Protein backbone atom coordinates (compact mmCIF):
# COMPACT_ATOMS: atom_id res chain seq x y z
CA MET A 1 11.53 47.37 6.39
CA THR A 2 8.70 45.52 8.94
CA ASP A 3 7.81 42.34 8.27
CA ASP A 4 4.69 42.53 6.26
CA THR A 5 6.21 43.08 3.50
CA HIS A 6 7.74 40.40 2.95
CA THR A 7 5.04 38.34 2.67
CA ASP A 8 3.22 40.17 -0.03
CA THR A 9 4.94 37.63 -2.75
CA LEU A 10 2.93 34.88 -3.87
CA ARG A 11 5.45 31.85 -4.59
CA THR A 12 4.57 28.94 -7.65
CA PRO A 13 1.97 26.66 -6.20
CA ILE A 14 3.11 23.27 -6.43
CA VAL A 15 1.90 19.94 -8.75
CA ALA A 16 1.87 16.86 -7.89
CA VAL A 17 1.01 14.21 -11.23
CA LEU A 18 0.26 10.87 -10.02
CA GLY A 19 -1.92 7.48 -11.30
CA HIS A 20 -1.53 4.30 -12.56
CA VAL A 21 1.39 3.22 -13.90
CA ASP A 22 1.16 3.33 -17.73
CA HIS A 23 -1.77 5.73 -17.69
CA GLY A 24 0.37 8.30 -18.83
CA LYS A 25 1.31 10.64 -16.44
CA THR A 26 4.75 10.89 -18.25
CA SER A 27 3.82 11.70 -21.45
CA LEU A 28 1.34 14.58 -20.50
CA LEU A 29 3.94 16.25 -18.31
CA ASP A 30 6.47 15.80 -21.51
CA LYS A 31 3.39 16.91 -23.36
CA ILE A 32 2.93 19.85 -21.00
CA ARG A 33 6.85 20.99 -21.05
CA GLY A 34 6.99 19.94 -25.07
CA SER A 35 4.45 22.95 -25.58
CA ALA A 36 5.69 25.09 -23.92
CA VAL A 37 9.16 24.49 -25.62
CA SER A 38 7.28 24.79 -29.48
CA GLU A 39 5.25 27.53 -28.53
CA GLY A 40 8.73 29.75 -28.46
CA GLU A 41 9.12 29.84 -25.30
CA ALA A 42 11.80 27.76 -24.50
CA GLY A 43 13.98 30.75 -22.16
CA ALA A 44 10.93 31.13 -20.14
CA ILE A 45 10.31 27.74 -19.08
CA THR A 46 12.78 26.23 -16.67
CA GLN A 47 14.27 22.46 -15.51
CA HIS A 48 14.81 22.40 -11.65
CA ILE A 49 16.00 19.42 -9.83
CA GLY A 50 12.70 16.81 -10.04
CA ALA A 51 10.51 19.99 -10.78
CA THR A 52 9.65 21.97 -13.90
CA ASP A 53 8.75 25.05 -13.74
CA ILE A 54 5.91 26.88 -15.96
CA PRO A 55 5.44 30.57 -16.01
CA LEU A 56 2.20 32.27 -16.36
CA ALA A 57 3.41 34.07 -19.56
CA THR A 58 3.86 30.53 -20.89
CA ILE A 59 0.93 29.19 -19.49
CA SER A 60 -1.30 31.72 -20.88
CA THR A 61 0.12 31.34 -24.47
CA MET A 62 -0.75 27.51 -24.45
CA ALA A 63 -4.36 28.27 -22.85
CA GLY A 64 -5.37 30.54 -25.00
CA GLU A 65 -7.92 32.35 -23.96
CA LEU A 66 -8.61 30.22 -21.43
CA VAL A 67 -6.38 31.86 -19.31
CA ASP A 68 -5.96 35.68 -18.73
CA PRO A 69 -2.75 36.94 -17.09
CA ASP A 70 -4.53 39.48 -15.93
CA ASP A 71 -6.78 37.77 -13.96
CA PHE A 72 -4.05 35.64 -11.95
CA ASP A 73 -1.31 37.25 -9.50
CA LEU A 74 0.35 33.45 -9.03
CA PRO A 75 3.38 33.37 -10.65
CA GLY A 76 2.96 29.81 -12.98
CA LEU A 77 3.18 26.47 -12.08
CA LEU A 78 6.32 23.98 -10.70
CA PHE A 79 4.83 20.50 -11.83
CA ILE A 80 6.64 17.86 -9.92
CA ASP A 81 8.39 14.48 -11.27
CA THR A 82 6.85 12.04 -8.80
CA PRO A 83 10.43 9.81 -8.32
CA GLY A 84 9.88 6.02 -9.95
CA HIS A 85 6.05 5.67 -10.79
CA HIS A 86 5.23 5.89 -6.58
CA SER A 87 2.55 8.59 -6.11
CA PHE A 88 5.07 10.55 -3.85
CA SER A 89 2.04 12.88 -2.63
CA THR A 90 2.67 11.38 0.78
CA LEU A 91 5.81 13.40 0.44
CA ARG A 92 5.15 15.87 3.02
CA ALA A 93 5.38 19.54 3.92
CA ARG A 94 5.13 20.73 7.65
CA GLY A 95 2.80 18.13 8.42
CA GLY A 96 0.96 18.20 4.91
CA ALA A 97 0.73 16.85 1.41
CA LEU A 98 4.38 18.50 -0.33
CA ALA A 99 1.94 18.78 -3.44
CA ASP A 100 -0.56 21.64 -3.37
CA ILE A 101 -2.83 20.33 -5.65
CA ALA A 102 -2.93 17.56 -7.72
CA VAL A 103 -3.40 15.55 -11.24
CA LEU A 104 -4.89 12.05 -10.88
CA VAL A 105 -4.20 10.65 -14.63
CA VAL A 106 -6.53 7.70 -15.38
CA ASP A 107 -6.38 6.38 -18.57
CA VAL A 108 -10.42 6.74 -20.72
CA ASN A 109 -10.14 3.31 -21.44
CA ASP A 110 -8.66 1.42 -18.33
CA GLY A 111 -10.73 3.69 -15.48
CA PHE A 112 -9.62 2.92 -12.04
CA GLN A 113 -6.57 0.79 -11.56
CA PRO A 114 -4.70 -0.40 -8.43
CA GLN A 115 -2.24 2.55 -8.41
CA THR A 116 -5.41 5.17 -8.90
CA GLU A 117 -6.96 3.40 -6.26
CA GLU A 118 -3.91 4.00 -3.68
CA ALA A 119 -3.82 7.92 -5.10
CA ILE A 120 -7.14 8.31 -4.29
CA ASP A 121 -6.27 6.85 -0.98
CA ILE A 122 -3.10 9.26 0.16
CA LEU A 123 -5.32 12.36 -1.50
CA ARG A 124 -8.34 11.71 0.74
CA ARG A 125 -5.76 11.17 3.54
CA THR A 126 -3.96 14.71 3.18
CA GLY A 127 -7.21 16.45 2.03
CA THR A 128 -5.12 17.76 -1.30
CA PRO A 129 -7.36 19.37 -3.77
CA PHE A 130 -7.25 17.44 -6.96
CA VAL A 131 -8.67 17.26 -10.73
CA VAL A 132 -8.69 14.20 -13.06
CA ALA A 133 -7.00 14.03 -16.21
CA ALA A 134 -8.75 11.58 -18.18
CA ASN A 135 -6.13 10.43 -20.74
CA LYS A 136 -6.12 9.27 -24.36
CA VAL A 137 -9.19 10.76 -25.55
CA ASP A 138 -7.61 9.98 -28.97
CA THR A 139 -8.15 6.31 -28.92
CA THR A 140 -11.56 6.83 -28.78
CA PRO A 141 -12.33 4.71 -32.33
CA GLY A 142 -13.25 7.42 -35.04
CA TRP A 143 -11.57 10.46 -33.03
CA ASN A 144 -10.80 13.47 -35.53
CA PRO A 145 -7.90 14.93 -33.46
CA GLN A 146 -7.61 18.70 -32.73
CA GLU A 147 -3.76 19.29 -32.54
CA GLY A 148 -3.75 22.10 -29.53
CA GLU A 149 -7.43 22.59 -29.01
CA PRO A 150 -9.39 23.09 -25.66
CA ILE A 151 -11.59 20.17 -25.15
CA GLN A 152 -14.79 21.22 -25.87
CA ARG A 153 -14.10 22.86 -29.19
CA SER A 154 -12.32 19.39 -29.90
CA LEU A 155 -15.47 17.84 -29.10
CA GLU A 156 -17.21 19.90 -31.80
CA ALA A 157 -15.10 18.19 -34.25
CA GLN A 158 -16.45 14.74 -33.59
CA SER A 159 -19.17 12.63 -35.09
CA GLU A 160 -21.82 11.94 -32.75
CA ARG A 161 -20.73 8.46 -32.23
CA ALA A 162 -17.27 9.13 -31.46
CA GLU A 163 -18.44 11.77 -28.62
CA SER A 164 -21.21 8.88 -27.18
CA MET A 165 -18.78 6.80 -27.03
CA LEU A 166 -15.72 8.97 -25.39
CA ASN A 167 -19.17 10.35 -22.65
CA GLU A 168 -19.37 6.92 -21.45
CA LYS A 169 -15.99 5.93 -20.50
CA LEU A 170 -15.75 9.62 -18.51
CA TYR A 171 -19.05 8.39 -16.97
CA GLU A 172 -17.49 5.57 -16.15
CA ILE A 173 -15.06 7.71 -14.38
CA ILE A 174 -17.49 9.50 -12.84
CA GLY A 175 -18.88 6.87 -11.75
CA GLN A 176 -15.89 5.19 -9.83
CA LEU A 177 -14.94 8.26 -8.06
CA SER A 178 -17.91 8.22 -6.90
CA ASP A 179 -17.77 4.95 -5.48
CA ALA A 180 -14.32 6.25 -3.73
CA GLY A 181 -16.92 9.10 -2.04
CA PHE A 182 -15.85 12.04 -4.26
CA SER A 183 -18.97 13.86 -5.87
CA ALA A 184 -17.34 14.32 -9.58
CA ASP A 185 -18.27 15.68 -12.79
CA LEU A 186 -16.93 17.07 -16.18
CA TYR A 187 -14.99 20.19 -15.35
CA TRP A 188 -17.02 22.70 -17.05
CA ARG A 189 -20.15 21.35 -15.36
CA VAL A 190 -18.65 22.35 -11.92
CA GLN A 191 -20.07 24.68 -9.95
CA ASP A 192 -17.98 24.33 -6.64
CA PHE A 193 -14.72 22.70 -6.76
CA GLN A 194 -14.16 22.65 -2.95
CA LYS A 195 -16.97 19.96 -3.52
CA ASN A 196 -16.66 18.77 -7.00
CA ILE A 197 -13.72 17.24 -8.52
CA GLY A 198 -13.10 18.05 -12.25
CA VAL A 199 -12.74 15.57 -14.77
CA VAL A 200 -10.56 17.34 -17.07
CA PRO A 201 -10.50 14.99 -20.97
CA VAL A 202 -7.57 14.87 -22.59
CA SER A 203 -4.53 13.14 -24.63
CA ALA A 204 -0.66 13.49 -24.14
CA LEU A 205 -0.30 12.91 -27.71
CA THR A 206 -2.20 15.15 -29.43
CA ALA A 207 -2.37 17.84 -26.18
CA GLU A 208 -6.29 18.28 -26.63
CA GLY A 209 -7.05 19.40 -23.06
CA ILE A 210 -4.00 20.49 -21.98
CA PRO A 211 -5.45 24.52 -22.50
CA ASP A 212 -7.87 23.44 -20.18
CA LEU A 213 -5.90 21.45 -17.41
CA LEU A 214 -3.89 24.27 -17.15
CA ALA A 215 -6.18 26.60 -16.90
CA VAL A 216 -8.27 24.38 -14.35
CA LEU A 217 -4.78 24.62 -12.65
CA MET A 218 -4.65 27.86 -12.31
CA GLY A 219 -8.41 28.89 -11.47
CA LEU A 220 -8.25 26.64 -8.36
CA SER A 221 -4.52 27.49 -7.00
CA GLN A 222 -6.02 31.28 -7.57
CA ARG A 223 -9.05 31.02 -6.01
CA PHE A 224 -8.31 28.21 -3.17
CA MET A 225 -4.54 28.73 -2.43
CA ARG A 226 -3.62 32.05 -2.27
CA GLU A 227 -3.37 32.72 1.13
CA GLU A 228 -1.07 29.68 1.41
CA MET A 229 0.86 30.82 -1.41
CA ALA A 230 1.98 33.79 0.28
CA ILE A 231 5.22 33.34 1.91
CA ASP A 232 8.18 35.26 3.29
CA VAL A 233 10.33 35.07 0.55
CA PHE A 234 12.93 36.16 2.44
CA GLY A 235 13.00 33.71 5.00
CA PRO A 236 14.96 31.17 5.98
CA GLY A 237 14.28 28.54 3.55
CA GLU A 238 11.84 25.02 3.80
CA GLY A 239 12.03 21.83 2.02
CA THR A 240 11.49 18.43 1.75
CA VAL A 241 13.71 15.89 0.44
CA LEU A 242 13.28 13.69 -3.02
CA GLU A 243 15.48 11.64 -2.93
CA VAL A 244 19.63 10.96 -2.06
CA LYS A 245 22.02 10.66 -5.03
CA ASP A 246 25.73 9.91 -5.34
CA GLU A 247 26.62 12.90 -7.90
CA ARG A 248 30.47 12.47 -9.52
CA GLY A 249 32.54 15.34 -7.79
CA PHE A 250 30.23 16.26 -4.85
CA GLY A 251 29.43 12.60 -3.07
CA ALA A 252 25.71 12.44 -1.73
CA THR A 253 23.13 14.89 -2.48
CA ILE A 254 19.43 15.05 -1.85
CA ASP A 255 16.98 16.28 -4.47
CA THR A 256 14.49 18.63 -2.34
CA VAL A 257 11.31 20.65 -3.39
CA VAL A 258 11.93 24.39 -1.28
CA TYR A 259 8.59 25.63 -0.62
CA ASP A 260 9.39 28.29 1.77
CA GLY A 261 11.55 30.98 1.99
CA VAL A 262 15.29 30.87 0.33
CA VAL A 263 18.10 28.56 0.42
CA LYS A 264 21.74 30.39 0.52
CA ASN A 265 25.14 28.72 -0.65
CA GLY A 266 26.96 28.55 2.59
CA ASP A 267 23.89 28.33 4.61
CA ARG A 268 23.90 25.73 7.41
CA ILE A 269 21.17 23.30 6.88
CA VAL A 270 19.19 20.92 9.48
CA VAL A 271 18.39 17.38 7.05
CA GLY A 272 16.06 14.50 8.49
CA GLY A 273 18.29 11.77 8.54
CA GLN A 274 18.45 7.74 9.30
CA ASN A 275 19.29 8.51 13.06
CA ASP A 276 19.92 11.84 13.77
CA PRO A 277 19.28 15.51 12.25
CA ILE A 278 22.07 15.94 10.43
CA VAL A 279 23.34 19.21 10.85
CA THR A 280 25.93 20.71 7.21
CA GLU A 281 26.63 23.77 5.37
CA VAL A 282 25.65 24.25 2.06
CA ARG A 283 28.53 23.54 -0.52
CA ALA A 284 26.57 23.52 -3.97
CA LEU A 285 23.05 24.46 -4.99
CA LEU A 286 22.75 22.61 -8.40
CA GLN A 287 20.11 23.55 -11.07
CA PRO A 288 20.20 21.41 -14.29
CA ARG A 289 21.58 23.66 -17.10
CA PRO A 290 18.79 25.54 -19.90
CA LEU A 291 17.28 23.59 -22.08
CA GLU A 292 19.05 25.20 -25.00
CA GLU A 293 22.59 24.27 -23.09
CA ILE A 294 21.96 21.05 -22.42
CA ARG A 295 24.79 19.44 -24.48
CA THR A 296 27.48 20.77 -22.34
CA GLU A 297 29.54 18.44 -20.92
CA LYS A 298 28.55 19.36 -16.91
CA LYS A 299 24.73 18.73 -16.22
CA PHE A 300 24.03 21.15 -13.72
CA GLU A 301 25.02 24.86 -13.36
CA LYS A 302 25.48 26.09 -9.82
CA VAL A 303 23.21 28.87 -8.44
CA ALA A 304 23.51 31.50 -5.29
CA GLU A 305 20.58 31.14 -4.05
CA VAL A 306 16.92 28.97 -4.56
CA GLY A 307 14.13 30.70 -3.67
CA ALA A 308 10.15 28.94 -3.15
CA ALA A 309 8.67 27.27 -4.71
CA ALA A 310 11.34 24.93 -6.85
CA GLY A 311 13.40 21.92 -7.17
CA VAL A 312 17.05 21.86 -6.71
CA LYS A 313 19.92 19.68 -5.59
CA ILE A 314 21.87 20.38 -2.50
CA ALA A 315 25.35 19.20 -2.04
CA ALA A 316 27.12 19.18 1.40
CA PRO A 317 29.07 16.61 3.64
CA ASP A 318 27.41 13.95 5.65
CA LEU A 319 24.35 13.71 3.59
CA ASP A 320 24.89 9.83 3.44
CA ASP A 321 22.23 9.05 6.05
CA ALA A 322 19.38 11.40 4.61
CA MET A 323 16.01 10.12 4.10
CA ALA A 324 13.73 10.82 1.21
CA GLY A 325 10.63 12.32 2.36
CA ALA A 326 12.59 14.33 5.72
CA PRO A 327 12.55 17.79 6.11
CA VAL A 328 15.18 20.16 5.29
CA ARG A 329 15.39 23.24 7.37
CA VAL A 330 17.80 26.50 7.28
CA VAL A 331 18.94 27.85 10.49
CA ARG A 332 20.21 31.08 9.26
CA ASP A 333 19.93 33.31 12.52
CA ARG A 334 18.37 30.39 14.99
CA PRO A 335 19.57 28.53 17.60
CA VAL A 336 21.07 25.43 16.39
CA GLU A 337 19.05 23.30 18.79
CA GLU A 338 15.20 25.10 17.84
CA VAL A 339 15.78 23.86 14.05
CA ILE A 340 16.86 20.28 15.63
CA ALA A 341 13.97 19.97 17.94
CA GLU A 342 11.54 21.31 14.66
CA VAL A 343 13.06 19.06 12.08
CA LYS A 344 12.37 15.51 14.96
CA ALA A 345 8.76 17.03 15.59
CA GLU A 346 8.19 16.98 12.21
CA LEU A 347 9.50 13.21 11.59
CA ALA A 348 8.14 12.15 15.13
CA GLU A 349 4.66 12.72 13.17
CA ILE A 350 5.83 10.51 10.57
CA GLU A 351 7.16 7.73 13.43
CA VAL A 352 5.41 4.06 12.99
CA ASP A 353 4.54 2.44 15.60
CA THR A 354 6.31 -0.80 16.30
CA ALA A 355 5.89 -3.88 18.21
CA GLU A 356 7.63 -6.58 20.42
CA ASP A 357 6.79 -9.19 17.49
CA GLY A 358 6.20 -8.49 14.11
CA VAL A 359 7.48 -8.22 10.07
CA VAL A 360 9.97 -5.94 9.04
CA ILE A 361 9.06 -2.79 6.38
CA LYS A 362 10.98 -0.99 4.22
CA ALA A 363 10.22 1.84 1.81
CA ASP A 364 11.45 3.96 -0.78
CA THR A 365 10.10 7.55 0.96
CA LEU A 366 8.75 8.44 4.49
CA GLY A 367 5.67 9.04 3.01
CA SER A 368 5.08 5.85 1.78
CA LEU A 369 6.57 3.79 5.19
CA GLU A 370 3.70 5.46 6.85
CA ALA A 371 1.46 4.89 4.44
CA MET A 372 2.02 1.65 4.29
CA ALA A 373 2.33 1.26 8.18
CA ASN A 374 -1.30 2.77 8.15
CA ALA A 375 -2.73 -0.09 5.47
CA LEU A 376 -0.77 -2.40 7.83
CA ARG A 377 -2.52 -1.43 10.72
CA GLU A 378 -5.90 -1.94 9.39
CA ALA A 379 -4.47 -5.28 8.31
CA GLU A 380 -4.11 -5.59 11.71
CA VAL A 381 -0.05 -6.58 11.12
CA PRO A 382 1.81 -5.89 14.08
CA ILE A 383 5.39 -4.42 12.48
CA LEU A 384 9.08 -5.17 14.37
CA ARG A 385 10.91 -2.47 12.25
CA ALA A 386 9.86 -0.10 9.92
CA GLU A 387 12.98 1.90 7.85
CA VAL A 388 13.33 3.86 4.72
CA GLY A 389 16.04 2.85 2.48
CA ASP A 390 17.45 -0.44 0.86
CA ILE A 391 17.01 -3.79 2.03
CA ALA A 392 20.12 -4.53 3.86
CA PRO A 393 21.88 -7.59 5.73
CA ARG A 394 20.51 -6.24 8.88
CA ASP A 395 17.13 -5.97 8.50
CA ILE A 396 17.00 -9.69 7.65
CA ALA A 397 19.11 -10.40 10.79
CA VAL A 398 16.03 -8.16 12.81
CA ALA A 399 13.45 -10.41 10.72
CA GLU A 400 14.93 -13.56 12.07
CA THR A 401 14.43 -12.32 15.26
CA ALA A 402 10.78 -12.33 15.18
CA ASN A 403 8.90 -14.89 17.18
CA GLN A 404 6.32 -16.12 15.34
CA GLU A 405 7.27 -17.70 12.08
CA GLU A 406 4.88 -16.15 10.04
CA HIS A 407 6.05 -12.52 11.34
CA LYS A 408 9.50 -14.09 9.78
CA ALA A 409 8.98 -11.85 7.00
CA ILE A 410 10.42 -8.38 5.24
CA LEU A 411 7.89 -6.18 3.56
CA GLY A 412 9.65 -3.92 0.77
CA PHE A 413 7.52 -1.55 -1.03
CA ASN A 414 9.81 0.29 -4.41
CA VAL A 415 13.03 -0.80 -2.80
CA ASP A 416 15.90 -3.18 -3.79
CA LEU A 417 17.27 -5.85 -2.31
CA LEU A 418 20.84 -5.52 -1.60
CA ALA A 419 23.32 -7.18 -3.22
CA ASN A 420 25.08 -8.87 0.28
CA ALA A 421 21.85 -9.25 1.49
CA GLU A 422 20.27 -11.35 -1.07
CA ARG A 423 23.32 -13.67 -0.01
CA GLU A 424 22.13 -13.61 3.56
CA LEU A 425 18.71 -14.38 2.55
CA GLU A 426 19.48 -17.26 0.58
CA SER A 427 20.68 -19.05 4.23
CA ALA A 428 17.99 -17.14 6.34
CA ASP A 429 14.88 -18.01 7.30
CA VAL A 430 13.20 -14.71 6.53
CA LYS A 431 10.85 -14.56 3.67
CA LEU A 432 10.67 -11.07 1.56
CA PHE A 433 8.33 -9.74 -0.42
CA THR A 434 8.12 -6.64 -2.81
CA ASN A 435 6.19 -4.91 -4.89
CA ASP A 436 5.49 -1.08 -5.99
CA VAL A 437 1.86 -1.33 -5.28
CA ILE A 438 1.17 -0.98 -1.85
CA TYR A 439 -1.77 -3.02 -1.16
CA GLN A 440 -0.87 -5.85 -3.33
CA LEU A 441 2.18 -6.39 -1.09
CA ILE A 442 -0.27 -6.95 2.03
CA GLU A 443 -2.03 -8.96 0.18
CA ASP A 444 0.84 -11.22 -0.59
CA TYR A 445 1.48 -10.95 2.51
CA GLU A 446 -1.64 -12.03 4.05
CA THR A 447 -1.54 -14.76 1.71
CA TYR A 448 1.05 -16.37 2.73
CA VAL A 449 0.27 -16.22 6.20
CA GLU A 450 -3.17 -18.14 5.24
CA GLU A 451 -1.26 -20.48 2.94
CA ARG A 452 0.93 -21.09 5.94
CA LYS A 453 -1.67 -21.25 8.42
CA ARG A 454 -3.76 -23.97 6.21
CA ALA A 455 -0.73 -25.99 5.78
CA GLN A 456 -0.38 -25.83 9.51
CA GLN A 457 -3.67 -26.89 10.30
CA GLU A 458 -3.69 -29.97 7.90
CA THR A 459 -1.00 -31.16 9.47
CA VAL A 460 -2.41 -31.04 12.91
CA LEU A 461 -5.65 -32.38 11.81
CA ASP A 462 -3.84 -35.83 10.43
CA LYS A 463 -2.26 -35.78 14.26
CA VAL A 464 -5.49 -35.42 16.07
CA VAL A 465 -8.01 -37.62 16.91
CA ARG A 466 -11.32 -37.56 15.35
CA PRO A 467 -14.39 -37.88 17.08
CA ALA A 468 -17.31 -40.45 16.18
CA ARG A 469 -20.35 -41.91 17.37
CA PHE A 470 -21.18 -45.60 16.08
CA ARG A 471 -23.66 -48.22 17.08
CA ILE A 472 -23.22 -52.16 17.08
CA LEU A 473 -25.61 -53.51 14.86
CA PRO A 474 -27.78 -56.08 15.94
CA ASP A 475 -27.30 -59.99 14.75
CA HIS A 476 -23.85 -58.67 13.58
CA THR A 477 -21.52 -60.31 16.26
CA PHE A 478 -18.88 -62.44 14.21
CA ARG A 479 -16.46 -63.23 17.56
CA GLN A 480 -17.14 -62.46 20.72
CA ASN A 481 -13.50 -61.72 22.70
CA ASP A 482 -9.56 -61.40 21.66
CA PRO A 483 -10.68 -59.42 19.89
CA ALA A 484 -14.29 -59.00 19.28
CA VAL A 485 -15.52 -58.21 16.08
CA VAL A 486 -18.67 -56.72 15.11
CA GLY A 487 -20.35 -54.98 12.85
CA VAL A 488 -21.07 -51.15 12.96
CA GLU A 489 -22.95 -48.11 11.52
CA VAL A 490 -20.88 -44.64 11.98
CA ILE A 491 -24.11 -42.17 12.95
CA SER A 492 -21.65 -39.09 13.10
CA GLY A 493 -18.01 -38.31 12.95
CA THR A 494 -14.80 -40.43 11.45
CA LEU A 495 -14.24 -43.42 13.19
CA GLN A 496 -10.66 -44.58 12.25
CA ASN A 497 -8.17 -47.20 13.09
CA ASN A 498 -6.21 -47.19 16.23
CA ARG A 499 -8.44 -45.43 18.65
CA ASN A 500 -9.46 -45.75 22.13
CA VAL A 501 -13.44 -46.50 22.38
CA GLY A 502 -16.08 -46.88 25.28
CA TYR A 503 -19.26 -45.79 26.03
CA PHE A 504 -21.23 -43.45 28.13
CA GLU A 505 -22.20 -44.58 31.78
CA GLY A 506 -24.45 -41.01 32.88
CA ASN A 507 -21.85 -38.44 32.23
CA GLU A 508 -18.83 -40.90 33.03
CA PHE A 509 -16.88 -42.23 29.88
CA GLU A 510 -16.02 -45.44 30.35
CA ARG A 511 -12.95 -46.84 27.77
CA VAL A 512 -13.99 -50.52 26.79
CA GLY A 513 -10.89 -50.60 24.80
CA GLY A 514 -8.71 -50.25 21.59
CA LEU A 515 -9.78 -50.47 17.86
CA SER A 516 -7.20 -52.95 16.11
CA GLY A 517 -9.24 -53.05 12.49
CA ILE A 518 -11.55 -51.46 10.25
CA GLN A 519 -13.10 -53.66 7.26
CA LYS A 520 -15.43 -52.47 4.62
CA GLN A 521 -16.42 -55.18 2.10
CA GLY A 522 -13.89 -57.94 3.24
CA GLU A 523 -10.92 -54.94 2.29
CA ASP A 524 -8.98 -53.29 5.13
CA VAL A 525 -9.29 -49.72 5.66
CA ASP A 526 -8.31 -46.62 7.69
CA GLU A 527 -11.27 -45.09 8.96
CA ALA A 528 -15.01 -44.94 8.01
CA ARG A 529 -16.89 -42.01 7.45
CA ALA A 530 -20.40 -40.87 8.69
CA GLY A 531 -23.26 -43.57 7.29
CA GLU A 532 -21.37 -46.16 6.31
CA ARG A 533 -21.46 -49.95 7.22
CA VAL A 534 -18.10 -51.71 8.55
CA SER A 535 -17.14 -54.10 10.81
CA ILE A 536 -14.48 -53.45 13.55
CA ALA A 537 -12.19 -55.22 15.74
CA ILE A 538 -11.93 -54.13 19.14
CA ASP A 539 -9.22 -55.29 21.47
CA GLY A 540 -10.56 -55.89 25.72
CA PRO A 541 -14.14 -55.78 25.57
CA THR A 542 -16.26 -59.55 25.36
CA VAL A 543 -19.37 -59.40 23.49
CA GLY A 544 -22.57 -59.48 26.23
CA ARG A 545 -20.47 -59.05 29.21
CA ASP A 546 -18.48 -55.46 28.33
CA ILE A 547 -20.80 -54.19 25.15
CA ALA A 548 -23.88 -55.71 23.68
CA GLU A 549 -25.24 -55.39 19.97
CA GLY A 550 -27.85 -51.94 19.47
CA ASP A 551 -24.87 -50.27 21.97
CA THR A 552 -23.79 -46.76 21.37
CA LEU A 553 -20.20 -45.99 21.30
CA TRP A 554 -17.91 -43.13 21.19
CA THR A 555 -14.14 -42.67 20.28
CA GLU A 556 -12.47 -41.85 23.33
CA LEU A 557 -10.97 -37.54 22.33
CA PRO A 558 -7.92 -36.74 24.21
CA GLU A 559 -8.69 -33.57 26.26
CA LYS A 560 -5.53 -31.31 24.54
CA HIS A 561 -7.32 -32.86 21.03
CA ALA A 562 -10.73 -31.91 21.78
CA LYS A 563 -9.87 -28.29 22.91
CA ILE A 564 -7.82 -28.15 19.72
CA LEU A 565 -10.49 -29.06 17.68
CA GLU A 566 -13.47 -27.30 19.22
CA GLN A 567 -10.74 -23.65 19.20
CA GLU A 568 -8.85 -24.11 16.19
CA LEU A 569 -9.82 -26.77 13.62
CA ARG A 570 -13.85 -26.18 14.29
CA GLU A 571 -14.00 -24.60 10.50
CA GLU A 572 -11.56 -27.80 8.67
CA ILE A 573 -13.88 -30.47 10.38
CA THR A 574 -16.98 -31.60 8.62
CA ALA A 575 -20.74 -30.80 10.21
CA ASP A 576 -21.00 -34.49 11.13
CA GLU A 577 -17.97 -34.23 12.86
CA ARG A 578 -18.56 -31.09 14.41
CA GLU A 579 -22.21 -32.77 15.73
CA ALA A 580 -20.21 -35.97 17.52
CA LEU A 581 -18.06 -33.38 18.79
CA SER A 582 -20.77 -31.44 20.37
CA GLY A 583 -22.15 -34.56 21.92
CA TYR A 584 -18.79 -35.86 23.13
CA LEU A 585 -18.27 -32.08 25.04
CA ASP A 586 -21.76 -31.70 26.07
CA THR A 587 -21.84 -35.14 27.92
CA ARG A 588 -18.20 -34.67 29.50
CA ARG A 589 -19.06 -30.87 30.58
CA LYS A 590 -22.32 -31.86 32.68
CA ARG A 591 -19.75 -33.58 34.83
CA ASP A 592 -16.94 -31.03 34.27
CA PRO A 593 -18.19 -27.44 33.01
CA PHE A 594 -14.41 -26.69 32.03
CA TRP A 595 -13.51 -30.05 30.29
CA GLY A 596 -11.51 -29.57 27.17
CA LYS A 597 -11.54 -25.42 27.44
């Protein structure tokens, strides 16, 4: 038998369902499953681990005249349940997304929300083809539900008012897709699905539009992915870890989606781990029991082998360090070193560039870790360490070693804080940020850095000498010396008490004395602003000899303070203080061009 005969079998396309947390992803999947079961096809639909396999015959029954099974040679569709509510299309298969195609669920009433934007971002980056399920059409005021009907037939049964209200919302979603850089239209108007995104109006409650959604997914897979679905049925299995879970009686197991070849009981496998790839042997392949047997004691039944595409729970020794998102490879008749190298190479593609100083990031899967690293790179936030998994005491210890205070932070995406780490955190000088929307997480961190900066600047601003230029008023000498008391007008800047003052002789600054008091309308004050007239006491000079009425004086700025004001606090000081600062620096720099730089 030649090798070509192996690859004429087409596998089931893997469909990921993504979208904002309460837009109806789960209820849509449940409805598709439920409809399949209620069509009397319970035996045909199989539950996999983390996935549901719906064969072509069932899809054809549900979609009615929209899907003629004779037009298709793909076996059906495998819907993946996204772990948590995170768009897991960041999980990979050989450098691409694990999902062949995606459904982006958007609530027609809500439009795009933060997680919708995030899912779109991931789909764009991985180049995954997708359709939009515009869910909850049944909430349109005056809607007349047509249980399980194709959407166009359902629209014919609606009043003009209900239809136009729905159209308005659908076109808003099409507009939002366009803002995100995707040309889109209602799916029956799309001529070329490779250039345009099809929008399918659906209801997870009444199943309206579900026939259309299944038909579009089948059509797209058949037309554009047929070649990718051709696999070597008997070849060594390849898959991706969805989740690592402890199961009673089995220890650590990996929920895996197999997208190529076959995994058999007893196979030697290589799995991506926290440190090095794990080499182990399959002890059991577990699938959920069929729907009608679910009441039995044991949740799983053992199977001898699993072929792509399928979800399966693999029980094997030493899986504690396996990572969600990591590759799984069957060794079969190849040198094990070669397979280890393959797994390492695939993991290396996801290596995050780390710096000498930066924040610690933790995420639930490799894919989300990578998405986080990309977003942080765009925000110019350096990363000290990046790992998959919950936040542990050692993460806090690592975060504390950061050089800059603002980098003593942990950003956790979709992960928990372990109890022993919680105790550590109470006494540690580390700030923890957690969120299940990546850009929200980064925004929270940036806000914190911003506020820290502002607080520091305010502290520095309190201590720094402010620039000021002021003029001694004619006929306003109240005392000639010990101390000299004169009336002045502040021309620009802020005149503060207890500062040295002087004047420029050419480009040379001559100090004349120090302020020992400022009075405004007979009251003692700490400072006077531009435009104010006050009387001041100056220790040191004598009026008529060292200073004279009509003279312009300056507050003396220490060089270090002038530098801080010009380079760090320029935006924090007022326009007239900037003017006084510029005048002071210009004169000083005529003599020494590098003064205060």
